[in-house]
């Protein structure tokens, strides 16, 4: 995290219970500011050791002339804290020397705002013990790129739209991934939302290119090191991964259809075999019964026609 951090050391204490004087030595670690993301909490760092050795001391965090937080260190060793916007410091700040300020939610209005910490003793105020610069940022939505088709030989219009970011972004156009659009072909409008102070951006590109050319729109938020890109591909060109995906989908679909047809044919053929087998078995049993019946009938007729033997006495 980048910040202005000033460390204060009390050089001398004039007389016990009287004026407390501080000579502040500031060491700026980085010329940049602490970066706060809009809507999220952020810490503004500040260290000042040995404050617990003093009594009847107050500290004030100020945003310009506005007091954001005031905390009094009494003889009982307890802090009495009063703040606006729910700002806070650590409960053991006097013991640890960590007087960092916690802001619960970053507002874009606080961009490039300086917060300063002052120490007060018996009505006397020190110079700023810590000075911290706060910059704010918010992510933009992924850009939406629309393409308006035109007749062959006429200019094609493109619209690129992104919302809800901070600060105001930069926007770039590329044709076929490498070419910059002609000068005067791009018009960009950035609007600030009155309720949130966030930005919406809309850019319009009008260019005479072939229908198979690709056009890319990139939104750059330098504060967050964020680059968001959207690409519109022409009617004869598609990204390689999309073509491969489409080919795989077609192959998978065709394979599923072929397998389904083969399974259906196999099921129908098996049903046909089962029916044929049952019919043949039925016909065979019927034939066997018929033959048995015929043999039985023939046997009875033979017995009826056989002459009876006549016994005589000779």
C-alpha atoms as a PDB file:
ATOM      1  CA  UNK A   1       0.000   0.000   0.000  1.00  0.00           C
ATOM      2  CA  UNK A   2       1.363   3.398  -0.984  1.00  0.00           C
ATOM      3  CA  UNK A   3       1.128   6.397   1.283  1.00  0.00           C
ATOM      4  CA  UNK A   4       2.532   9.481   2.843  1.00  0.00           C
ATOM      5  CA  UNK A   5       3.657   8.354   6.288  1.00  0.00           C
ATOM      6  CA  UNK A   6       5.062  10.801   8.790  1.00  0.00           C
ATOM      7  CA  UNK A   7       6.576   9.588  12.032  1.00  0.00           C
ATOM      8  CA  UNK A   8       6.572  11.975  14.939  1.00  0.00           C
ATOM      9  CA  UNK A   9       8.981  11.871  17.867  1.00  0.00           C
ATOM     10  CA  UNK A  10       8.539  14.056  20.966  1.00  0.00           C
ATOM     11  CA  UNK A  11      11.836  15.843  21.387  1.00  0.00           C
ATOM     12  CA  UNK A  12      11.367  17.474  24.757  1.00  0.00           C
ATOM     13  CA  UNK A  13       8.853  17.843  27.504  1.00  0.00           C
ATOM     14  CA  UNK A  14       9.137  21.382  28.922  1.00  0.00           C
ATOM     15  CA  UNK A  15       7.684  20.837  32.388  1.00  0.00           C
ATOM     16  CA  UNK A  16       5.500  18.028  33.801  1.00  0.00           C
ATOM     17  CA  UNK A  17       1.813  18.958  33.500  1.00  0.00           C
ATOM     18  CA  UNK A  18       2.565  22.013  31.346  1.00  0.00           C
ATOM     19  CA  UNK A  19       3.019  22.591  27.638  1.00  0.00           C
ATOM     20  CA  UNK A  20       3.777  19.466  25.611  1.00  0.00           C
ATOM     21  CA  UNK A  21       5.874  20.317  22.619  1.00  0.00           C
ATOM     22  CA  UNK A  22       6.431  18.128  19.625  1.00  0.00           C
ATOM     23  CA  UNK A  23       9.013  18.600  16.952  1.00  0.00           C
ATOM     24  CA  UNK A  24       7.913  16.486  14.048  1.00  0.00           C
ATOM     25  CA  UNK A  25      10.301  14.828  11.668  1.00  0.00           C
ATOM     26  CA  UNK A  26       8.483  13.610   8.570  1.00  0.00           C
ATOM     27  CA  UNK A  27       9.802  10.939   6.300  1.00  0.00           C
ATOM     28  CA  UNK A  28       7.846  10.513   3.086  1.00  0.00           C
ATOM     29  CA  UNK A  29       8.188   6.920   1.955  1.00  0.00           C
ATOM     30  CA  UNK A  30       6.487   7.288  -1.424  1.00  0.00           C
ATOM     31  CA  UNK A  31       5.177  10.293  -3.379  1.00  0.00           C
ATOM     32  CA  UNK A  32       1.970   8.397  -4.226  1.00  0.00           C
ATOM     33  CA  UNK A  33      -1.229   8.107  -2.225  1.00  0.00           C
ATOM     34  CA  UNK A  34      -3.004   5.290  -0.457  1.00  0.00           C
ATOM     35  CA  UNK A  35      -5.377   3.708  -2.972  1.00  0.00           C
ATOM     36  CA  UNK A  36      -8.923   3.186  -1.716  1.00  0.00           C
ATOM     37  CA  UNK A  37     -11.489   1.148  -3.667  1.00  0.00           C
ATOM     38  CA  UNK A  38     -14.888   2.846  -3.758  1.00  0.00           C
ATOM     39  CA  UNK A  39     -17.341   1.251  -1.331  1.00  0.00           C
ATOM     40  CA  UNK A  40     -14.657  -0.696   0.568  1.00  0.00           C
ATOM     41  CA  UNK A  41     -12.814   0.088   3.828  1.00  0.00           C
ATOM     42  CA  UNK A  42      -9.298   1.539   3.810  1.00  0.00           C
ATOM     43  CA  UNK A  43      -6.572   2.143   6.406  1.00  0.00           C
ATOM     44  CA  UNK A  44      -4.655   5.427   6.506  1.00  0.00           C
ATOM     45  CA  UNK A  45      -1.386   4.482   8.277  1.00  0.00           C
ATOM     46  CA  UNK A  46       0.192   6.481  11.070  1.00  0.00           C
ATOM     47  CA  UNK A  47       2.645   5.455  13.816  1.00  0.00           C
ATOM     48  CA  UNK A  48       3.522   7.519  16.897  1.00  0.00           C
ATOM     49  CA  UNK A  49       5.222   5.685  19.781  1.00  0.00           C
ATOM     50  CA  UNK A  50       5.137   6.573  23.479  1.00  0.00           C
ATOM     51  CA  UNK A  51       1.834   8.417  23.448  1.00  0.00           C
ATOM     52  CA  UNK A  52       0.714   6.283  26.386  1.00  0.00           C
ATOM     53  CA  UNK A  53       3.386   8.023  28.538  1.00  0.00           C
ATOM     54  CA  UNK A  54       1.379  11.260  28.318  1.00  0.00           C
ATOM     55  CA  UNK A  55      -1.866  12.080  30.083  1.00  0.00           C
ATOM     56  CA  UNK A  56      -4.700  14.412  29.128  1.00  0.00           C
ATOM     57  CA  UNK A  57      -3.737  14.105  25.483  1.00  0.00           C
ATOM     58  CA  UNK A  58      -6.119  14.208  22.532  1.00  0.00           C
ATOM     59  CA  UNK A  59      -5.629  13.249  18.930  1.00  0.00           C
ATOM     60  CA  UNK A  60      -7.566  14.528  15.940  1.00  0.00           C
ATOM     61  CA  UNK A  61      -7.741  13.138  12.428  1.00  0.00           C
ATOM     62  CA  UNK A  62      -8.787  15.914  10.047  1.00  0.00           C
ATOM     63  CA  UNK A  63      -9.869  15.991   6.438  1.00  0.00           C
ATOM     64  CA  UNK A  64      -8.966  19.533   5.529  1.00  0.00           C
ATOM     65  CA  UNK A  65     -10.522  21.567   8.357  1.00  0.00           C
ATOM     66  CA  UNK A  66     -13.138  18.930   9.144  1.00  0.00           C
ATOM     67  CA  UNK A  67     -12.511  16.734  12.195  1.00  0.00           C
ATOM     68  CA  UNK A  68     -13.118  13.136  11.147  1.00  0.00           C
ATOM     69  CA  UNK A  69     -12.180  11.554  14.487  1.00  0.00           C
ATOM     70  CA  UNK A  70     -11.239  12.880  17.940  1.00  0.00           C
ATOM     71  CA  UNK A  71      -9.971  10.675  20.733  1.00  0.00           C
ATOM     72  CA  UNK A  72      -9.054  11.768  24.276  1.00  0.00           C
ATOM     73  CA  UNK A  73      -6.513   9.883  26.415  1.00  0.00           C
ATOM     74  CA  UNK A  74      -7.403  10.425  30.053  1.00  0.00           C
ATOM     75  CA  UNK A  75      -5.683   9.778  33.364  1.00  0.00           C
ATOM     76  CA  UNK A  76      -7.560   6.479  33.671  1.00  0.00           C
ATOM     77  CA  UNK A  77      -5.766   5.266  30.555  1.00  0.00           C
ATOM     78  CA  UNK A  78      -8.929   5.034  28.483  1.00  0.00           C
ATOM     79  CA  UNK A  79      -9.759   6.532  25.091  1.00  0.00           C
ATOM     80  CA  UNK A  80     -12.906   8.576  24.624  1.00  0.00           C
ATOM     81  CA  UNK A  81     -13.569   8.459  20.872  1.00  0.00           C
ATOM     82  CA  UNK A  82     -15.905  10.600  18.771  1.00  0.00           C
ATOM     83  CA  UNK A  83     -16.027  10.289  14.983  1.00  0.00           C
ATOM     84  CA  UNK A  84     -18.006  11.030  11.854  1.00  0.00           C
ATOM     85  CA  UNK A  85     -18.792   8.478   9.127  1.00  0.00           C
ATOM     86  CA  UNK A  86     -17.944   5.641  11.588  1.00  0.00           C
ATOM     87  CA  UNK A  87     -14.206   6.325  11.272  1.00  0.00           C
ATOM     88  CA  UNK A  88     -12.165   4.478  13.901  1.00  0.00           C
ATOM     89  CA  UNK A  89      -8.712   3.768  15.303  1.00  0.00           C
ATOM     90  CA  UNK A  90      -7.421   0.720  17.153  1.00  0.00           C
ATOM     91  CA  UNK A  91      -8.649   0.279  20.737  1.00  0.00           C
ATOM     92  CA  UNK A  92      -5.033  -0.168  21.934  1.00  0.00           C
ATOM     93  CA  UNK A  93      -3.661   2.683  19.842  1.00  0.00           C
ATOM     94  CA  UNK A  94      -2.093   4.447  22.832  1.00  0.00           C
ATOM     95  CA  UNK A  95      -0.222   1.296  23.855  1.00  0.00           C
ATOM     96  CA  UNK A  96       0.957   0.229  20.409  1.00  0.00           C
ATOM     97  CA  UNK A  97       1.478   3.664  18.886  1.00  0.00           C
ATOM     98  CA  UNK A  98      -0.597   2.589  15.880  1.00  0.00           C
ATOM     99  CA  UNK A  99      -2.862   5.576  15.256  1.00  0.00           C
ATOM    100  CA  UNK A 100      -3.914   4.454  11.774  1.00  0.00           C
ATOM    101  CA  UNK A 101      -7.352   5.646  10.721  1.00  0.00           C
ATOM    102  CA  UNK A 102      -9.936   3.201   9.410  1.00  0.00           C
ATOM    103  CA  UNK A 103     -12.473   4.612   6.938  1.00  0.00           C
ATOM    104  CA  UNK A 104     -15.340   2.068   6.593  1.00  0.00           C
ATOM    105  CA  UNK A 105     -16.295   3.015   3.048  1.00  0.00           C
ATOM    106  CA  UNK A 106     -14.369   4.966   0.432  1.00  0.00           C
ATOM    107  CA  UNK A 107     -16.221   7.727  -1.416  1.00  0.00           C
ATOM    108  CA  UNK A 108     -15.007   8.859  -4.871  1.00  0.00           C
ATOM    109  CA  UNK A 109     -15.403  12.459  -3.671  1.00  0.00           C
ATOM    110  CA  UNK A 110     -12.377  11.834  -1.417  1.00  0.00           C
ATOM    111  CA  UNK A 111     -10.028  11.372  -4.368  1.00  0.00           C
ATOM    112  CA  UNK A 112      -6.698  13.169  -3.810  1.00  0.00           C
ATOM    113  CA  UNK A 113      -7.769  14.243  -0.312  1.00  0.00           C
ATOM    114  CA  UNK A 114      -5.239  14.765   2.471  1.00  0.00           C
ATOM    115  CA  UNK A 115      -5.893  13.458   5.981  1.00  0.00           C
ATOM    116  CA  UNK A 116      -3.763  14.812   8.854  1.00  0.00           C
ATOM    117  CA  UNK A 117      -3.275  13.716  12.442  1.00  0.00           C
ATOM    118  CA  UNK A 118      -2.749  16.320  15.187  1.00  0.00           C
ATOM    119  CA  UNK A 119      -1.908  15.815  18.868  1.00  0.00           C
ATOM    120  CA  UNK A 120      -3.329  18.254  21.417  1.00  0.00           C
ATOM    121  CA  UNK A 121      -2.206  18.640  25.033  1.00  0.00           C
ATOM    122  CA  UNK A 122      -3.705  21.123  27.477  1.00  0.00           C
ATOM    123  CA  UNK A 123      -5.053  23.241  24.663  1.00  0.00           C
ATOM    124  CA  UNK A 124      -1.865  23.259  22.652  1.00  0.00           C
ATOM    125  CA  UNK A 125      -1.697  21.686  19.216  1.00  0.00           C
ATOM    126  CA  UNK A 126       1.278  20.066  17.561  1.00  0.00           C
ATOM    127  CA  UNK A 127       2.100  20.266  13.921  1.00  0.00           C
ATOM    128  CA  UNK A 128       0.636  17.516  11.760  1.00  0.00           C
ATOM    129  CA  UNK A 129       2.071  14.275  13.093  1.00  0.00           C
ATOM    130  CA  UNK A 130       0.993  12.269  10.047  1.00  0.00           C
ATOM    131  CA  UNK A 131      -0.158  13.371   6.622  1.00  0.00           C
ATOM    132  CA  UNK A 132      -1.744  10.764   4.364  1.00  0.00           C
ATOM    133  CA  UNK A 133      -3.015  11.296   0.830  1.00  0.00           C
ATOM    134  CA  UNK A 134      -6.008   9.201  -0.284  1.00  0.00           C
ATOM    135  CA  UNK A 135      -6.778   8.456  -3.925  1.00  0.00           C
ATOM    136  CA  UNK A 136      -9.898   6.545  -4.959  1.00  0.00           C
ATOM    137  CA  UNK A 137     -10.756   4.155  -7.781  1.00  0.00           C
ATOM    138  CA  UNK A 138     -13.552   1.833  -8.909  1.00  0.00           C
ATOM    139  CA  UNK A 139     -13.668  -0.929 -11.512  1.00  0.00           C
ATOM    140  CA  UNK A 140     -15.517  -0.396 -14.785  1.00  0.00           C
ATOM    141  CA  UNK A 141     -17.921  -2.983 -16.126  1.00  0.00           C
ATOM    142  CA  UNK A 142     -16.725  -5.173 -19.029  1.00  0.00           C
ATOM    143  CA  UNK A 143     -17.245  -3.125 -22.224  1.00  0.00           C
ATOM    144  CA  UNK A 144     -20.234  -3.960 -24.403  1.00  0.00           C
ATOM    145  CA  UNK A 145     -19.345  -3.691 -28.108  1.00  0.00           C
ATOM    146  CA  UNK A 146     -22.073  -3.455 -30.739  1.00  0.00           C
ATOM    147  CA  UNK A 147     -21.625  -3.564 -34.511  1.00  0.00           C
ATOM    148  CA  UNK A 148     -24.010  -1.964 -37.000  1.00  0.00           C
ATOM    149  CA  UNK A 149     -23.810  -3.717 -40.350  1.00  0.00           C
ATOM    150  CA  UNK A 150     -23.808  -1.670 -43.549  1.00  0.00           C
ATOM    151  CA  UNK A 151     -23.936  -2.296 -47.288  1.00  0.00           C
ATOM    152  CA  UNK A 152     -20.736  -3.298 -49.081  1.00  0.00           C
ATOM    153  CA  UNK A 153     -18.452  -0.291 -49.497  1.00  0.00           C
ATOM    154  CA  UNK A 154     -20.173   1.817 -46.817  1.00  0.00           C
ATOM    155  CA  UNK A 155     -18.811   2.738 -43.389  1.00  0.00           C
ATOM    156  CA  UNK A 156     -19.535   0.415 -40.467  1.00  0.00           C
ATOM    157  CA  UNK A 157     -20.434   1.882 -37.062  1.00  0.00           C
ATOM    158  CA  UNK A 158     -19.309   0.435 -33.717  1.00  0.00           C
ATOM    159  CA  UNK A 159     -20.509   1.369 -30.203  1.00  0.00           C
ATOM    160  CA  UNK A 160     -18.517   0.623 -27.035  1.00  0.00           C
ATOM    161  CA  UNK A 161     -20.105   1.179 -23.611  1.00  0.00           C
ATOM    162  CA  UNK A 162     -18.833   0.693 -20.030  1.00  0.00           C
ATOM    163  CA  UNK A 163     -20.243   1.874 -16.687  1.00  0.00           C
ATOM    164  CA  UNK A 164     -19.634   2.448 -12.979  1.00  0.00           C
ATOM    165  CA  UNK A 165     -15.905   3.188 -12.817  1.00  0.00           C
ATOM    166  CA  UNK A 166     -13.592   5.830 -11.375  1.00  0.00           C
ATOM    167  CA  UNK A 167     -11.614   7.890 -12.266  1.00  0.00           C
ATOM    168  CA  UNK A 168     -12.326   8.858 -15.869  1.00  0.00           C
ATOM    169  CA  UNK A 169     -10.777   6.137 -18.075  1.00  0.00           C
ATOM    170  CA  UNK A 170      -8.917   6.112 -21.368  1.00  0.00           C
ATOM    171  CA  UNK A 171     -10.402   4.258 -24.343  1.00  0.00           C
ATOM    172  CA  UNK A 172      -8.611   2.729 -27.327  1.00  0.00           C
ATOM    173  CA  UNK A 173      -9.749   1.132 -30.608  1.00  0.00           C
ATOM    174  CA  UNK A 174      -7.864  -1.430 -32.708  1.00  0.00           C
ATOM    175  CA  UNK A 175      -8.701  -2.877 -36.134  1.00  0.00           C
ATOM    176  CA  UNK A 176      -7.546  -6.447 -36.763  1.00  0.00           C
ATOM    177  CA  UNK A 177      -5.667  -6.332 -33.421  1.00  0.00           C
ATOM    178  CA  UNK A 178      -2.923  -3.980 -34.701  1.00  0.00           C
ATOM    179  CA  UNK A 179      -4.252  -1.032 -36.715  1.00  0.00           C
ATOM    180  CA  UNK A 180      -5.371   2.220 -35.148  1.00  0.00           C
ATOM    181  CA  UNK A 181      -8.547   3.782 -36.572  1.00  0.00           C
ATOM    182  CA  UNK A 182      -8.252   6.828 -38.862  1.00  0.00           C
ATOM    183  CA  UNK A 183      -8.060  10.216 -37.200  1.00  0.00           C
ATOM    184  CA  UNK A 184     -11.474  11.766 -36.617  1.00  0.00           C
ATOM    185  CA  UNK A 185     -13.318   8.427 -36.790  1.00  0.00           C
ATOM    186  CA  UNK A 186     -13.820   8.133 -32.993  1.00  0.00           C
ATOM    187  CA  UNK A 187     -16.184  10.147 -30.801  1.00  0.00           C
ATOM    188  CA  UNK A 188     -16.207   9.517 -27.040  1.00  0.00           C
ATOM    189  CA  UNK A 189     -18.601  10.773 -24.354  1.00  0.00           C
ATOM    190  CA  UNK A 190     -17.896  10.404 -20.615  1.00  0.00           C
ATOM    191  CA  UNK A 191     -20.642  11.252 -18.107  1.00  0.00           C
ATOM    192  CA  UNK A 192     -20.456  11.499 -14.317  1.00  0.00           C
ATOM    193  CA  UNK A 193     -23.327  10.006 -12.352  1.00  0.00           C
ATOM    194  CA  UNK A 194     -24.657  12.675  -9.963  1.00  0.00           C
ATOM    195  CA  UNK A 195     -25.526  10.299  -7.105  1.00  0.00           C
ATOM    196  CA  UNK A 196     -22.295   8.286  -6.971  1.00  0.00           C
ATOM    197  CA  UNK A 197     -19.764  10.444  -8.874  1.00  0.00           C
ATOM    198  CA  UNK A 198     -18.810   7.335 -10.862  1.00  0.00           C
ATOM    199  CA  UNK A 199     -18.331   7.477 -14.627  1.00  0.00           C
ATOM    200  CA  UNK A 200     -20.069   5.942 -17.625  1.00  0.00           C
ATOM    201  CA  UNK A 201     -18.256   6.024 -20.960  1.00  0.00           C
ATOM    202  CA  UNK A 202     -19.589   5.563 -24.500  1.00  0.00           C
ATOM    203  CA  UNK A 203     -17.401   5.630 -27.596  1.00  0.00           C
ATOM    204  CA  UNK A 204     -18.494   5.578 -31.257  1.00  0.00           C
ATOM    205  CA  UNK A 205     -16.279   4.425 -34.148  1.00  0.00           C
ATOM    206  CA  UNK A 206     -17.208   4.890 -37.808  1.00  0.00           C
ATOM    207  CA  UNK A 207     -14.819   3.258 -40.255  1.00  0.00           C
ATOM    208  CA  UNK A 208     -14.755   1.833 -43.779  1.00  0.00           C
ATOM    209  CA  UNK A 209     -13.430  -1.727 -43.433  1.00  0.00           C
ATOM    210  CA  UNK A 210     -14.231  -5.106 -44.914  1.00  0.00           C
ATOM    211  CA  UNK A 211     -16.929  -7.142 -43.256  1.00  0.00           C
ATOM    212  CA  UNK A 212     -14.473  -9.841 -42.242  1.00  0.00           C
ATOM    213  CA  UNK A 213     -12.309  -7.397 -40.223  1.00  0.00           C
ATOM    214  CA  UNK A 214     -12.238  -7.519 -36.417  1.00  0.00           C
ATOM    215  CA  UNK A 215     -12.582  -4.425 -34.215  1.00  0.00           C
ATOM    216  CA  UNK A 216     -11.556  -4.230 -30.541  1.00  0.00           C
ATOM    217  CA  UNK A 217     -12.459  -1.690 -27.860  1.00  0.00           C
ATOM    218  CA  UNK A 218     -10.287  -1.381 -24.705  1.00  0.00           C
ATOM    219  CA  UNK A 219     -11.139   0.505 -21.496  1.00  0.00           C
ATOM    220  CA  UNK A 220      -8.071   1.432 -19.407  1.00  0.00           C
ATOM    221  CA  UNK A 221      -8.277   2.421 -15.728  1.00  0.00           C
ATOM    222  CA  UNK A 222      -4.722   3.434 -14.856  1.00  0.00           C
ATOM    223  CA  UNK A 223      -5.410   3.881 -11.129  1.00  0.00           C
ATOM    224  CA  UNK A 224      -6.324   0.198 -10.791  1.00  0.00           C
ATOM    225  CA  UNK A 225      -3.976  -1.056 -13.526  1.00  0.00           C
ATOM    226  CA  UNK A 226      -7.070  -2.443 -15.217  1.00  0.00           C
ATOM    227  CA  UNK A 227      -7.566  -3.124 -18.938  1.00  0.00           C
ATOM    228  CA  UNK A 228     -10.909  -4.437 -20.208  1.00  0.00           C
ATOM    229  CA  UNK A 229     -11.263  -5.467 -23.860  1.00  0.00           C
ATOM    230  CA  UNK A 230     -14.165  -6.494 -26.074  1.00  0.00           C
ATOM    231  CA  UNK A 231     -13.812  -7.643 -29.713  1.00  0.00           C
ATOM    232  CA  UNK A 232     -16.283  -7.830 -32.585  1.00  0.00           C
ATOM    233  CA  UNK A 233     -15.374 -10.358 -35.285  1.00  0.00           C
ATOM    234  CA  UNK A 234     -16.422 -10.096 -38.926  1.00  0.00           C
ATOM    235  CA  UNK A 235     -18.836 -12.417 -40.706  1.00  0.00           C
ATOM    236  CA  UNK A 236     -16.041 -14.510 -42.281  1.00  0.00           C
ATOM    237  CA  UNK A 237     -13.780 -14.652 -39.294  1.00  0.00           C
ATOM    238  CA  UNK A 238     -14.123 -16.120 -35.887  1.00  0.00           C
ATOM    239  CA  UNK A 239     -11.610 -16.712 -33.158  1.00  0.00           C
ATOM    240  CA  UNK A 240      -9.717 -19.980 -33.356  1.00  0.00           C
ATOM    241  CA  UNK A 241     -10.977 -21.273 -30.042  1.00  0.00           C
ATOM    242  CA  UNK A 242     -14.562 -20.531 -31.082  1.00  0.00           C
ATOM    243  CA  UNK A 243     -14.134 -22.413 -34.376  1.00  0.00           C
ATOM    244  CA  UNK A 244     -12.612 -25.366 -32.554  1.00  0.00           C
ATOM    245  CA  UNK A 245     -15.425 -25.299 -30.026  1.00  0.00           C
ATOM    246  CA  UNK A 246     -18.056 -25.178 -32.775  1.00  0.00           C
ATOM    247  CA  UNK A 247     -16.390 -28.073 -34.646  1.00  0.00           C
ATOM    248  CA  UNK A 248     -16.237 -30.157 -31.487  1.00  0.00           C
ATOM    249  CA  UNK A 249     -19.888 -29.421 -30.762  1.00  0.00           C
ATOM    250  CA  UNK A 250     -20.923 -30.462 -34.294  1.00  0.00           C
ATOM    251  CA  UNK A 251     -18.823 -33.643 -34.085  1.00  0.00           C
ATOM    252  CA  UNK A 252     -20.246 -34.533 -30.675  1.00  0.00           C
ATOM    253  CA  UNK A 253     -23.798 -33.909 -31.871  1.00  0.00           C
ATOM    254  CA  UNK A 254     -23.309 -36.030 -35.001  1.00  0.00           C
ATOM    255  CA  UNK A 255     -21.718 -38.828 -32.966  1.00  0.00           C
ATOM    256  CA  UNK A 256     -24.619 -38.801 -30.513  1.00  0.00           C
ATOM    257  CA  UNK A 257     -27.120 -38.963 -33.397  1.00  0.00           C
ATOM    258  CA  UNK A 258     -25.295 -41.898 -35.055  1.00  0.00           C
ATOM    259  CA  UNK A 259     -25.035 -43.784 -31.757  1.00  0.00           C
ATOM    260  CA  UNK A 260     -28.699 -43.096 -31.050  1.00  0.00           C
ATOM    261  CA  UNK A 261     -29.731 -44.401 -34.479  1.00  0.00           C
ATOM    262  CA  UNK A 262     -27.575 -47.532 -34.048  1.00  0.00           C
ATOM    263  CA  UNK A 263     -29.075 -48.210 -30.626  1.00  0.00           C
ATOM    264  CA  UNK A 264     -32.595 -47.707 -31.974  1.00  0.00           C
ATOM    265  CA  UNK A 265     -31.926 -50.042 -34.926  1.00  0.00           C
ATOM    266  CA  UNK A 266     -30.419 -52.632 -32.574  1.00  0.00           C
ATOM    267  CA  UNK A 267     -33.446 -52.481 -30.274  1.00  0.00           C
ATOM    268  CA  UNK A 268     -35.904 -52.795 -33.185  1.00  0.00           C
ATOM    269  CA  UNK A 269     -33.953 -55.724 -34.667  1.00  0.00           C
ATOM    270  CA  UNK A 270     -33.817 -57.490 -31.308  1.00  0.00           C
ATOM    271  CA  UNK A 271     -37.571 -57.063 -30.896  1.00  0.00           C
ATOM    272  CA  UNK A 272     -38.037 -58.502 -34.404  1.00  0.00           C
ATOM    273  CA  UNK A 273     -35.843 -61.517 -33.541  1.00  0.00           C
ATOM    274  CA  UNK A 274     -37.737 -62.095 -30.306  1.00  0.00           C
ATOM    275  CA  UNK A 275     -41.076 -62.019 -32.073  1.00  0.00           C
ATOM    276  CA  UNK A 276     -39.843 -64.323 -34.843  1.00  0.00           C
ATOM    277  CA  UNK A 277     -38.463 -66.798 -32.309  1.00  0.00           C
ATOM    278  CA  UNK A 278     -41.707 -66.829 -30.344  1.00  0.00           C
ATOM    279  CA  UNK A 279     -43.747 -67.351 -33.525  1.00  0.00           C
ATOM    280  CA  UNK A 280     -41.578 -70.262 -34.626  1.00  0.00           C
ATOM    281  CA  UNK A 281     -41.774 -71.881 -31.196  1.00  0.00           C
ATOM    282  CA  UNK A 282     -45.534 -71.498 -31.218  1.00  0.00           C
ATOM    283  CA  UNK A 283     -45.835 -72.973 -34.699  1.00  0.00           C
ATOM    284  CA  UNK A 284     -43.527 -75.868 -33.706  1.00  0.00           C
ATOM    285  CA  UNK A 285     -45.603 -76.716 -30.619  1.00  0.00           C
ATOM    286  CA  UNK A 286     -48.769 -76.503 -32.694  1.00  0.00           C
ATOM    287  CA  UNK A 287     -47.273 -78.828 -35.270  1.00  0.00           C
ATOM    288  CA  UNK A 288     -46.214 -81.315 -32.591  1.00  0.00           C
ATOM    289  CA  UNK A 289     -49.670 -81.293 -31.026  1.00  0.00           C
ATOM    290  CA  UNK A 290     -51.224 -81.841 -34.436  1.00  0.00           C
ATOM    291  CA  UNK A 291     -49.013 -84.853 -35.134  1.00  0.00           C
ATOM    292  CA  UNK A 292     -49.764 -86.347 -31.721  1.00  0.00           C
ATOM    293  CA  UNK A 293     -53.464 -85.926 -32.269  1.00  0.00           C
ATOM    294  CA  UNK A 294     -53.260 -87.584 -35.674  1.00  0.00           C
ATOM    295  CA  UNK A 295     -51.396 -90.577 -34.249  1.00  0.00           C
ATOM    296  CA  UNK A 296     -53.984 -90.944 -31.518  1.00  0.00           C
ATOM    297  CA  UNK A 297     -56.860 -90.889 -33.996  1.00  0.00           C
ATOM    298  CA  UNK A 298     -55.187 -93.449 -36.241  1.00  0.00           C
ATOM    299  CA  UNK A 299     -54.688 -95.783 -33.283  1.00  0.00           C
ATOM    300  CA  UNK A 300     -58.393 -95.760 -32.325  1.00  0.00           C
ATOM    301  CA  UNK A 301     -59.534 -96.474 -35.895  1.00  0.00           C
ATOM    302  CA  UNK A 302     -57.214 -99.496 -36.112  1.00  0.00           C
ATOM    303  CA  UNK A 303     -58.652-100.978 -32.979  1.00  0.00           C
ATOM    304  CA  UNK A 304     -62.236-100.557 -34.262  1.00  0.00           C
ATOM    305  CA  UNK A 305     -61.538-102.176 -37.626  1.00  0.00           C
ATOM    306  CA  UNK A 306     -59.650-105.246 -36.191  1.00  0.00           C
ATOM    307  CA  UNK A 307     -62.077-108.384 -36.351  1.00  0.00           C
ATOM    308  CA  UNK A 308     -62.860-110.155 -33.129  1.00  0.00           C
ATOM    309  CA  UNK A 309     -61.703-113.777 -32.806  1.00  0.00           C
ATOM    310  CA  UNK A 310     -64.464-116.467 -32.635  1.00  0.00           C
ATOM    311  CA  UNK A 311     -63.890-119.449 -30.473  1.00  0.00           C
ATOM    312  CA  UNK A 312     -65.443-122.867 -31.607  1.00  0.00           C
ATOM    313  CA  UNK A 313     -65.440-126.294 -30.232  1.00  0.00           C
ATOM    314  CA  UNK A 314     -64.039-128.808 -32.585  1.00  0.00           C
END
